[in-house]
Amino acid sequence: MNKAELVDKVAEATGMPKKDVEEVLGGVINAVVAAVKADDKVALPGFGSFTKSHRAARQGRNPQTGATIEIAASNGVKFSAAAGFKSAVN
């Protein structure tokens, strides 16, 4: 499901106009990104939580040449599904 399909489903379920649903969804996504970027944990009960994770610098190998390369430190995002979400999927 892509963003447009999600907007369609939410608009259908709530009776809201698609334009309004798209604005709200965009606002939610922007708020989650800003919070995680600021090292805040975003917890959505019944759905899951988003947290920022840090990967340290490390050495890797170029698979074509076998040469050792340095991989820079970086940040990522971890999502942990809530128990209710996990049980609904299983």
PDB file of N, CA and C in Angstrom:
ATOM      1  N   MET A   1       0.847  -1.169   0.000  1.00  0.00           N
ATOM      2  CA  MET A   1       0.000   0.000   0.000  1.00  0.00           C
ATOM      3  C   MET A   1       0.895   1.234   0.000  1.00  0.00           C
ATOM      4  N   ASN A   2       0.634   2.147  -0.920  1.00  0.00           N
ATOM      5  CA  ASN A   2       1.397   3.388  -0.956  1.00  0.00           C
ATOM      6  C   ASN A   2       0.598   4.504  -0.273  1.00  0.00           C
ATOM      7  N   LYS A   3       1.153   5.702  -0.251  1.00  0.00           N
ATOM      8  CA  LYS A   3       0.527   6.811   0.470  1.00  0.00           C
ATOM      9  C   LYS A   3      -0.854   7.149  -0.100  1.00  0.00           C
ATOM     10  N   ALA A   4      -0.993   7.166  -1.406  1.00  0.00           N
ATOM     11  CA  ALA A   4      -2.282   7.492  -2.034  1.00  0.00           C
ATOM     12  C   ALA A   4      -3.347   6.457  -1.659  1.00  0.00           C
ATOM     13  N   GLU A   5      -2.961   5.192  -1.643  1.00  0.00           N
ATOM     14  CA  GLU A   5      -3.913   4.138  -1.264  1.00  0.00           C
ATOM     15  C   GLU A   5      -4.293   4.253   0.208  1.00  0.00           C
ATOM     16  N   LEU A   6      -3.329   4.621   1.058  1.00  0.00           N
ATOM     17  CA  LEU A   6      -3.618   4.827   2.470  1.00  0.00           C
ATOM     18  C   LEU A   6      -4.582   5.990   2.655  1.00  0.00           C
ATOM     19  N   VAL A   7      -4.355   7.071   1.936  1.00  0.00           N
ATOM     20  CA  VAL A   7      -5.262   8.232   2.003  1.00  0.00           C
ATOM     21  C   VAL A   7      -6.666   7.806   1.585  1.00  0.00           C
ATOM     22  N   ASP A   8      -6.789   7.026   0.526  1.00  0.00           N
ATOM     23  CA  ASP A   8      -8.095   6.542   0.072  1.00  0.00           C
ATOM     24  C   ASP A   8      -8.794   5.725   1.154  1.00  0.00           C
ATOM     25  N   LYS A   9      -8.061   4.796   1.777  1.00  0.00           N
ATOM     26  CA  LYS A   9      -8.645   3.933   2.813  1.00  0.00           C
ATOM     27  C   LYS A   9      -9.108   4.737   4.023  1.00  0.00           C
ATOM     28  N   VAL A  10      -8.273   5.687   4.467  1.00  0.00           N
ATOM     29  CA  VAL A  10      -8.621   6.493   5.637  1.00  0.00           C
ATOM     30  C   VAL A  10      -9.807   7.398   5.318  1.00  0.00           C
ATOM     31  N   ALA A  11      -9.826   7.990   4.132  1.00  0.00           N
ATOM     32  CA  ALA A  11     -10.945   8.843   3.735  1.00  0.00           C
ATOM     33  C   ALA A  11     -12.240   8.038   3.696  1.00  0.00           C
ATOM     34  N   GLU A  12     -12.163   6.834   3.186  1.00  0.00           N
ATOM     35  CA  GLU A  12     -13.340   5.956   3.112  1.00  0.00           C
ATOM     36  C   GLU A  12     -13.814   5.566   4.514  1.00  0.00           C
ATOM     37  N   ALA A  13     -12.876   5.261   5.403  1.00  0.00           N
ATOM     38  CA  ALA A  13     -13.225   4.818   6.753  1.00  0.00           C
ATOM     39  C   ALA A  13     -13.767   5.948   7.626  1.00  0.00           C
ATOM     40  N   THR A  14     -13.286   7.177   7.396  1.00  0.00           N
ATOM     41  CA  THR A  14     -13.677   8.290   8.259  1.00  0.00           C
ATOM     42  C   THR A  14     -14.733   9.195   7.646  1.00  0.00           C
ATOM     43  N   GLY A  15     -14.910   9.132   6.342  1.00  0.00           N
ATOM     44  CA  GLY A  15     -15.839  10.028   5.667  1.00  0.00           C
ATOM     45  C   GLY A  15     -15.263  11.419   5.439  1.00  0.00           C
ATOM     46  N   MET A  16     -13.978  11.591   5.729  1.00  0.00           N
ATOM     47  CA  MET A  16     -13.313  12.879   5.514  1.00  0.00           C
ATOM     48  C   MET A  16     -12.918  13.021   4.044  1.00  0.00           C
ATOM     49  N   PRO A  17     -12.844  14.257   3.554  1.00  0.00           N
ATOM     50  CA  PRO A  17     -12.351  14.455   2.177  1.00  0.00           C
ATOM     51  C   PRO A  17     -10.887  14.018   2.065  1.00  0.00           C
ATOM     52  N   LYS A  18     -10.538  13.483   0.907  1.00  0.00           N
ATOM     53  CA  LYS A  18      -9.168  13.000   0.686  1.00  0.00           C
ATOM     54  C   LYS A  18      -8.144  14.102   0.902  1.00  0.00           C
ATOM     55  N   LYS A  19      -8.471  15.327   0.503  1.00  0.00           N
ATOM     56  CA  LYS A  19      -7.536  16.447   0.666  1.00  0.00           C
ATOM     57  C   LYS A  19      -7.208  16.656   2.140  1.00  0.00           C
ATOM     58  N   ASP A  20      -8.216  16.580   3.011  1.00  0.00           N
ATOM     59  CA  ASP A  20      -8.001  16.754   4.445  1.00  0.00           C
ATOM     60  C   ASP A  20      -7.189  15.601   5.030  1.00  0.00           C
ATOM     61  N   VAL A  21      -7.498  14.394   4.598  1.00  0.00           N
ATOM     62  CA  VAL A  21      -6.766  13.220   5.085  1.00  0.00           C
ATOM     63  C   VAL A  21      -5.299  13.319   4.683  1.00  0.00           C
ATOM     64  N   GLU A  22      -5.043  13.765   3.453  1.00  0.00           N
ATOM     65  CA  GLU A  22      -3.660  13.892   2.989  1.00  0.00           C
ATOM     66  C   GLU A  22      -2.901  14.936   3.812  1.00  0.00           C
ATOM     67  N   GLU A  23      -3.559  16.049   4.152  1.00  0.00           N
ATOM     68  CA  GLU A  23      -2.924  17.071   4.996  1.00  0.00           C
ATOM     69  C   GLU A  23      -2.603  16.526   6.380  1.00  0.00           C
ATOM     70  N   VAL A  24      -3.558  15.811   6.977  1.00  0.00           N
ATOM     71  CA  VAL A  24      -3.352  15.248   8.314  1.00  0.00           C
ATOM     72  C   VAL A  24      -2.237  14.210   8.280  1.00  0.00           C
ATOM     73  N   LEU A  25      -2.259  13.328   7.311  1.00  0.00           N
ATOM     74  CA  LEU A  25      -1.224  12.299   7.198  1.00  0.00           C
ATOM     75  C   LEU A  25       0.152  12.936   7.008  1.00  0.00           C
ATOM     76  N   GLY A  26       0.236  13.959   6.185  1.00  0.00           N
ATOM     77  CA  GLY A  26       1.499  14.670   5.991  1.00  0.00           C
ATOM     78  C   GLY A  26       1.979  15.310   7.283  1.00  0.00           C
ATOM     79  N   GLY A  27       1.049  15.875   8.046  1.00  0.00           N
ATOM     80  CA  GLY A  27       1.397  16.472   9.327  1.00  0.00           C
ATOM     81  C   GLY A  27       1.899  15.453  10.319  1.00  0.00           C
ATOM     82  N   VAL A  28       1.264  14.292  10.352  1.00  0.00           N
ATOM     83  CA  VAL A  28       1.687  13.220  11.258  1.00  0.00           C
ATOM     84  C   VAL A  28       3.088  12.745  10.887  1.00  0.00           C
ATOM     85  N   ILE A  29       3.317  12.529   9.619  1.00  0.00           N
ATOM     86  CA  ILE A  29       4.633  12.065   9.169  1.00  0.00           C
ATOM     87  C   ILE A  29       5.705  13.099   9.509  1.00  0.00           C
ATOM     88  N   ASN A  30       5.426  14.374   9.244  1.00  0.00           N
ATOM     89  CA  ASN A  30       6.393  15.429   9.556  1.00  0.00           C
ATOM     90  C   ASN A  30       6.680  15.506  11.048  1.00  0.00           C
ATOM     91  N   ALA A  31       5.654  15.338  11.881  1.00  0.00           N
ATOM     92  CA  ALA A  31       5.836  15.391  13.332  1.00  0.00           C
ATOM     93  C   ALA A  31       6.674  14.213  13.821  1.00  0.00           C
ATOM     94  N   VAL A  32       6.435  13.037  13.276  1.00  0.00           N
ATOM     95  CA  VAL A  32       7.208  11.846  13.666  1.00  0.00           C
ATOM     96  C   VAL A  32       8.673  12.026  13.257  1.00  0.00           C
ATOM     97  N   VAL A  33       8.909  12.486  12.045  1.00  0.00           N
ATOM     98  CA  VAL A  33      10.281  12.686  11.567  1.00  0.00           C
ATOM     99  C   VAL A  33      11.004  13.707  12.440  1.00  0.00           C
ATOM    100  N   ALA A  34      10.354  14.825  12.737  1.00  0.00           N
ATOM    101  CA  ALA A  34      10.978  15.870  13.555  1.00  0.00           C
ATOM    102  C   ALA A  34      11.292  15.359  14.957  1.00  0.00           C
ATOM    103  N   ALA A  35      10.380  14.594  15.546  1.00  0.00           N
ATOM    104  CA  ALA A  35      10.598  14.078  16.902  1.00  0.00           C
ATOM    105  C   ALA A  35      11.744  13.077  16.935  1.00  0.00           C
ATOM    106  N   VAL A  36      11.777  12.143  15.993  1.00  0.00           N
ATOM    107  CA  VAL A  36      12.844  11.142  15.960  1.00  0.00           C
ATOM    108  C   VAL A  36      14.186  11.819  15.668  1.00  0.00           C
ATOM    109  N   LYS A  37      14.180  12.813  14.806  1.00  0.00           N
ATOM    110  CA  LYS A  37      15.408  13.551  14.503  1.00  0.00           C
ATOM    111  C   LYS A  37      15.958  14.228  15.758  1.00  0.00           C
ATOM    112  N   ALA A  38      15.054  14.669  16.634  1.00  0.00           N
ATOM    113  CA  ALA A  38      15.459  15.336  17.880  1.00  0.00           C
ATOM    114  C   ALA A  38      15.721  14.338  19.006  1.00  0.00           C
ATOM    115  N   ASP A  39      15.879  13.069  18.685  1.00  0.00           N
ATOM    116  CA  ASP A  39      16.155  11.991  19.638  1.00  0.00           C
ATOM    117  C   ASP A  39      14.997  11.679  20.574  1.00  0.00           C
ATOM    118  N   ASP A  40      13.788  12.052  20.206  1.00  0.00           N
ATOM    119  CA  ASP A  40      12.614  11.682  20.989  1.00  0.00           C
ATOM    120  C   ASP A  40      12.085  10.342  20.495  1.00  0.00           C
ATOM    121  N   LYS A  41      11.509   9.586  21.403  1.00  0.00           N
ATOM    122  CA  LYS A  41      10.846   8.333  21.041  1.00  0.00           C
ATOM    123  C   LYS A  41       9.391   8.662  20.735  1.00  0.00           C
ATOM    124  N   VAL A  42       8.881   8.159  19.629  1.00  0.00           N
ATOM    125  CA  VAL A  42       7.481   8.362  19.265  1.00  0.00           C
ATOM    126  C   VAL A  42       6.761   7.041  19.480  1.00  0.00           C
ATOM    127  N   ALA A  43       5.861   7.018  20.452  1.00  0.00           N
ATOM    128  CA  ALA A  43       5.127   5.798  20.773  1.00  0.00           C
ATOM    129  C   ALA A  43       3.660   5.977  20.408  1.00  0.00           C
ATOM    130  N   LEU A  44       3.142   5.078  19.598  1.00  0.00           N
ATOM    131  CA  LEU A  44       1.740   5.075  19.215  1.00  0.00           C
ATOM    132  C   LEU A  44       1.118   3.798  19.769  1.00  0.00           C
ATOM    133  N   PRO A  45       0.418   3.906  20.911  1.00  0.00           N
ATOM    134  CA  PRO A  45      -0.136   2.716  21.559  1.00  0.00           C
ATOM    135  C   PRO A  45      -0.984   1.881  20.596  1.00  0.00           C
ATOM    136  N   GLY A  46      -0.751   0.585  20.630  1.00  0.00           N
ATOM    137  CA  GLY A  46      -1.475  -0.325  19.750  1.00  0.00           C
ATOM    138  C   GLY A  46      -0.857  -0.457  18.370  1.00  0.00           C
ATOM    139  N   PHE A  47       0.094   0.423  18.036  1.00  0.00           N
ATOM    140  CA  PHE A  47       0.749   0.376  16.729  1.00  0.00           C
ATOM    141  C   PHE A  47       2.229   0.065  16.878  1.00  0.00           C
ATOM    142  N   GLY A  48       2.970   0.926  17.594  1.00  0.00           N
ATOM    143  CA  GLY A  48       4.390   0.684  17.785  1.00  0.00           C
ATOM    144  C   GLY A  48       5.116   1.958  18.136  1.00  0.00           C
ATOM    145  N   SER A  49       6.444   1.884  18.129  1.00  0.00           N
ATOM    146  CA  SER A  49       7.238   3.052  18.474  1.00  0.00           C
ATOM    147  C   SER A  49       8.411   3.211  17.514  1.00  0.00           C
ATOM    148  N   PHE A  50       8.784   4.468  17.298  1.00  0.00           N
ATOM    149  CA  PHE A  50       9.897   4.824  16.441  1.00  0.00           C
ATOM    150  C   PHE A  50      10.991   5.421  17.310  1.00  0.00           C
ATOM    151  N   THR A  51      12.230   4.984  17.128  1.00  0.00           N
ATOM    152  CA  THR A  51      13.361   5.541  17.858  1.00  0.00           C
ATOM    153  C   THR A  51      14.533   5.721  16.902  1.00  0.00           C
ATOM    154  N   LYS A  52      15.391   6.658  17.249  1.00  0.00           N
ATOM    155  CA  LYS A  52      16.595   6.901  16.471  1.00  0.00           C
ATOM    156  C   LYS A  52      17.667   5.920  16.927  1.00  0.00           C
ATOM    157  N   SER A  53      18.392   5.360  15.989  1.00  0.00           N
ATOM    158  CA  SER A  53      19.486   4.452  16.333  1.00  0.00           C
ATOM    159  C   SER A  53      20.767   4.972  15.703  1.00  0.00           C
ATOM    160  N   HIS A  54      21.885   4.664  16.319  1.00  0.00           N
ATOM    161  CA  HIS A  54      23.182   5.116  15.817  1.00  0.00           C
ATOM    162  C   HIS A  54      24.016   3.901  15.423  1.00  0.00           C
ATOM    163  N   ARG A  55      24.584   3.971  14.239  1.00  0.00           N
ATOM    164  CA  ARG A  55      25.515   2.933  13.786  1.00  0.00           C
ATOM    165  C   ARG A  55      26.921   3.525  13.806  1.00  0.00           C
ATOM    166  N   ALA A  56      27.814   2.871  14.495  1.00  0.00           N
ATOM    167  CA  ALA A  56      29.194   3.343  14.604  1.00  0.00           C
ATOM    168  C   ALA A  56      29.934   3.153  13.284  1.00  0.00           C
ATOM    169  N   ALA A  57      31.002   3.894  13.105  1.00  0.00           N
ATOM    170  CA  ALA A  57      31.857   3.719  11.929  1.00  0.00           C
ATOM    171  C   ALA A  57      32.467   2.325  11.978  1.00  0.00           C
ATOM    172  N   ARG A  58      32.657   1.745  10.832  1.00  0.00           N
ATOM    173  CA  ARG A  58      33.196   0.393  10.798  1.00  0.00           C
ATOM    174  C   ARG A  58      33.899   0.153   9.465  1.00  0.00           C
ATOM    175  N   GLN A  59      34.603  -0.971   9.386  1.00  0.00           N
ATOM    176  CA  GLN A  59      35.255  -1.349   8.141  1.00  0.00           C
ATOM    177  C   GLN A  59      34.369  -2.350   7.407  1.00  0.00           C
ATOM    178  N   GLY A  60      34.374  -2.245   6.099  1.00  0.00           N
ATOM    179  CA  GLY A  60      33.647  -3.176   5.259  1.00  0.00           C
ATOM    180  C   GLY A  60      34.517  -3.600   4.099  1.00  0.00           C
ATOM    181  N   ARG A  61      33.966  -4.408   3.241  1.00  0.00           N
ATOM    182  CA  ARG A  61      34.716  -4.871   2.069  1.00  0.00           C
ATOM    183  C   ARG A  61      33.926  -4.594   0.811  1.00  0.00           C
ATOM    184  N   ASN A  62      34.645  -4.163  -0.211  1.00  0.00           N
ATOM    185  CA  ASN A  62      34.048  -4.002  -1.527  1.00  0.00           C
ATOM    186  C   ASN A  62      33.893  -5.415  -2.094  1.00  0.00           C
ATOM    187  N   PRO A  63      32.671  -5.860  -2.379  1.00  0.00           N
ATOM    188  CA  PRO A  63      32.489  -7.249  -2.836  1.00  0.00           C
ATOM    189  C   PRO A  63      33.114  -7.543  -4.200  1.00  0.00           C
ATOM    190  N   GLN A  64      33.324  -6.513  -5.020  1.00  0.00           N
ATOM    191  CA  GLN A  64      33.915  -6.754  -6.338  1.00  0.00           C
ATOM    192  C   GLN A  64      35.430  -6.887  -6.276  1.00  0.00           C
ATOM    193  N   THR A  65      36.060  -6.043  -5.448  1.00  0.00           N
ATOM    194  CA  THR A  65      37.525  -6.048  -5.421  1.00  0.00           C
ATOM    195  C   THR A  65      38.098  -6.685  -4.161  1.00  0.00           C
ATOM    196  N   GLY A  66      37.301  -6.797  -3.118  1.00  0.00           N
ATOM    197  CA  GLY A  66      37.786  -7.339  -1.857  1.00  0.00           C
ATOM    198  C   GLY A  66      38.547  -6.320  -1.026  1.00  0.00           C
ATOM    199  N   ALA A  67      38.635  -5.086  -1.525  1.00  0.00           N
ATOM    200  CA  ALA A  67      39.369  -4.035  -0.816  1.00  0.00           C
ATOM    201  C   ALA A  67      38.599  -3.609   0.438  1.00  0.00           C
ATOM    202  N   THR A  68      39.361  -3.288   1.481  1.00  0.00           N
ATOM    203  CA  THR A  68      38.753  -2.809   2.717  1.00  0.00           C
ATOM    204  C   THR A  68      38.372  -1.342   2.549  1.00  0.00           C
ATOM    205  N   ILE A  69      37.165  -0.994   3.005  1.00  0.00           N
ATOM    206  CA  ILE A  69      36.706   0.391   2.929  1.00  0.00           C
ATOM    207  C   ILE A  69      36.178   0.823   4.292  1.00  0.00           C
ATOM    208  N   GLU A  70      36.230   2.122   4.547  1.00  0.00           N
ATOM    209  CA  GLU A  70      35.686   2.669   5.778  1.00  0.00           C
ATOM    210  C   GLU A  70      34.232   3.060   5.542  1.00  0.00           C
ATOM    211  N   ILE A  71      33.358   2.588   6.404  1.00  0.00           N
ATOM    212  CA  ILE A  71      31.945   2.955   6.346  1.00  0.00           C
ATOM    213  C   ILE A  71      31.716   3.962   7.465  1.00  0.00           C
ATOM    214  N   ALA A  72      31.242   5.131   7.109  1.00  0.00           N
ATOM    215  CA  ALA A  72      31.065   6.225   8.077  1.00  0.00           C
ATOM    216  C   ALA A  72      29.950   5.909   9.065  1.00  0.00           C
ATOM    217  N   ALA A  73      30.038   6.531  10.231  1.00  0.00           N
ATOM    218  CA  ALA A  73      28.967   6.418  11.231  1.00  0.00           C
ATOM    219  C   ALA A  73      27.708   7.053  10.657  1.00  0.00           C
ATOM    220  N   SER A  74      26.566   6.531  11.044  1.00  0.00           N
ATOM    221  CA  SER A  74      25.309   7.084  10.541  1.00  0.00           C
ATOM    222  C   SER A  74      24.184   6.838  11.541  1.00  0.00           C
ATOM    223  N   ASN A  75      23.095   7.543  11.337  1.00  0.00           N
ATOM    224  CA  ASN A  75      21.903   7.357  12.153  1.00  0.00           C
ATOM    225  C   ASN A  75      20.847   6.640  11.332  1.00  0.00           C
ATOM    226  N   GLY A  76      20.009   5.900  12.015  1.00  0.00           N
ATOM    227  CA  GLY A  76      18.920   5.206  11.363  1.00  0.00           C
ATOM    228  C   GLY A  76      17.681   5.290  12.237  1.00  0.00           C
ATOM    229  N   VAL A  77      16.638   4.633  11.823  1.00  0.00           N
ATOM    230  CA  VAL A  77      15.388   4.618  12.578  1.00  0.00           C
ATOM    231  C   VAL A  77      14.997   3.174  12.824  1.00  0.00           C
ATOM    232  N   LYS A  78      14.587   2.898  14.065  1.00  0.00           N
ATOM    233  CA  LYS A  78      14.092   1.569  14.404  1.00  0.00           C
ATOM    234  C   LYS A  78      12.611   1.671  14.705  1.00  0.00           C
ATOM    235  N   PHE A  79      11.858   0.707  14.242  1.00  0.00           N
ATOM    236  CA  PHE A  79      10.439   0.614  14.538  1.00  0.00           C
ATOM    237  C   PHE A  79      10.202  -0.671  15.304  1.00  0.00           C
ATOM    238  N   SER A  80       9.552  -0.555  16.444  1.00  0.00           N
ATOM    239  CA  SER A  80       9.182  -1.732  17.226  1.00  0.00           C
ATOM    240  C   SER A  80       7.662  -1.821  17.240  1.00  0.00           C
ATOM    241  N   ALA A  81       7.128  -2.882  16.706  1.00  0.00           N
ATOM    242  CA  ALA A  81       5.689  -3.056  16.649  1.00  0.00           C
ATOM    243  C   ALA A  81       5.131  -3.353  18.039  1.00  0.00           C
ATOM    244  N   ALA A  82       3.960  -2.809  18.327  1.00  0.00           N
ATOM    245  CA  ALA A  82       3.284  -3.072  19.594  1.00  0.00           C
ATOM    246  C   ALA A  82       2.729  -4.491  19.608  1.00  0.00           C
ATOM    247  N   ALA A  83       2.493  -5.004  20.801  1.00  0.00           N
ATOM    248  CA  ALA A  83       2.008  -6.381  20.940  1.00  0.00           C
ATOM    249  C   ALA A  83       0.683  -6.593  20.208  1.00  0.00           C
ATOM    250  N   GLY A  84      -0.205  -5.617  20.290  1.00  0.00           N
ATOM    251  CA  GLY A  84      -1.507  -5.725  19.601  1.00  0.00           C
ATOM    252  C   GLY A  84      -1.344  -5.796  18.096  1.00  0.00           C
ATOM    253  N   PHE A  85      -0.413  -5.026  17.554  1.00  0.00           N
ATOM    254  CA  PHE A  85      -0.142  -5.038  16.127  1.00  0.00           C
ATOM    255  C   PHE A  85       0.436  -6.381  15.717  1.00  0.00           C
ATOM    256  N   LYS A  86       1.403  -6.881  16.496  1.00  0.00           N
ATOM    257  CA  LYS A  86       2.016  -8.166  16.189  1.00  0.00           C
ATOM    258  C   LYS A  86       0.980  -9.290  16.193  1.00  0.00           C
ATOM    259  N   SER A  87       0.118  -9.296  17.208  1.00  0.00           N
ATOM    260  CA  SER A  87      -0.873 -10.374  17.284  1.00  0.00           C
ATOM    261  C   SER A  87      -1.912 -10.271  16.170  1.00  0.00           C
ATOM    262  N   ALA A  88      -2.212  -9.062  15.720  1.00  0.00           N
ATOM    263  CA  ALA A  88      -3.158  -8.901  14.612  1.00  0.00           C
ATOM    264  C   ALA A  88      -2.583  -9.434  13.312  1.00  0.00           C
ATOM    265  N   VAL A  89      -1.269  -9.320  13.153  1.00  0.00           N
ATOM    266  CA  VAL A  89      -0.615  -9.794  11.927  1.00  0.00           C
ATOM    267  C   VAL A  89      -0.486 -11.300  11.940  1.00  0.00           C
ATOM    268  N   ASN A  90      -0.262 -11.882  13.111  1.00  0.00           N
ATOM    269  CA  ASN A  90      -0.093 -13.331  13.208  1.00  0.00           C
ATOM    270  C   ASN A  90      -1.392 -13.977  13.328  1.00  0.00           C
TER     271      ASN A  90
END
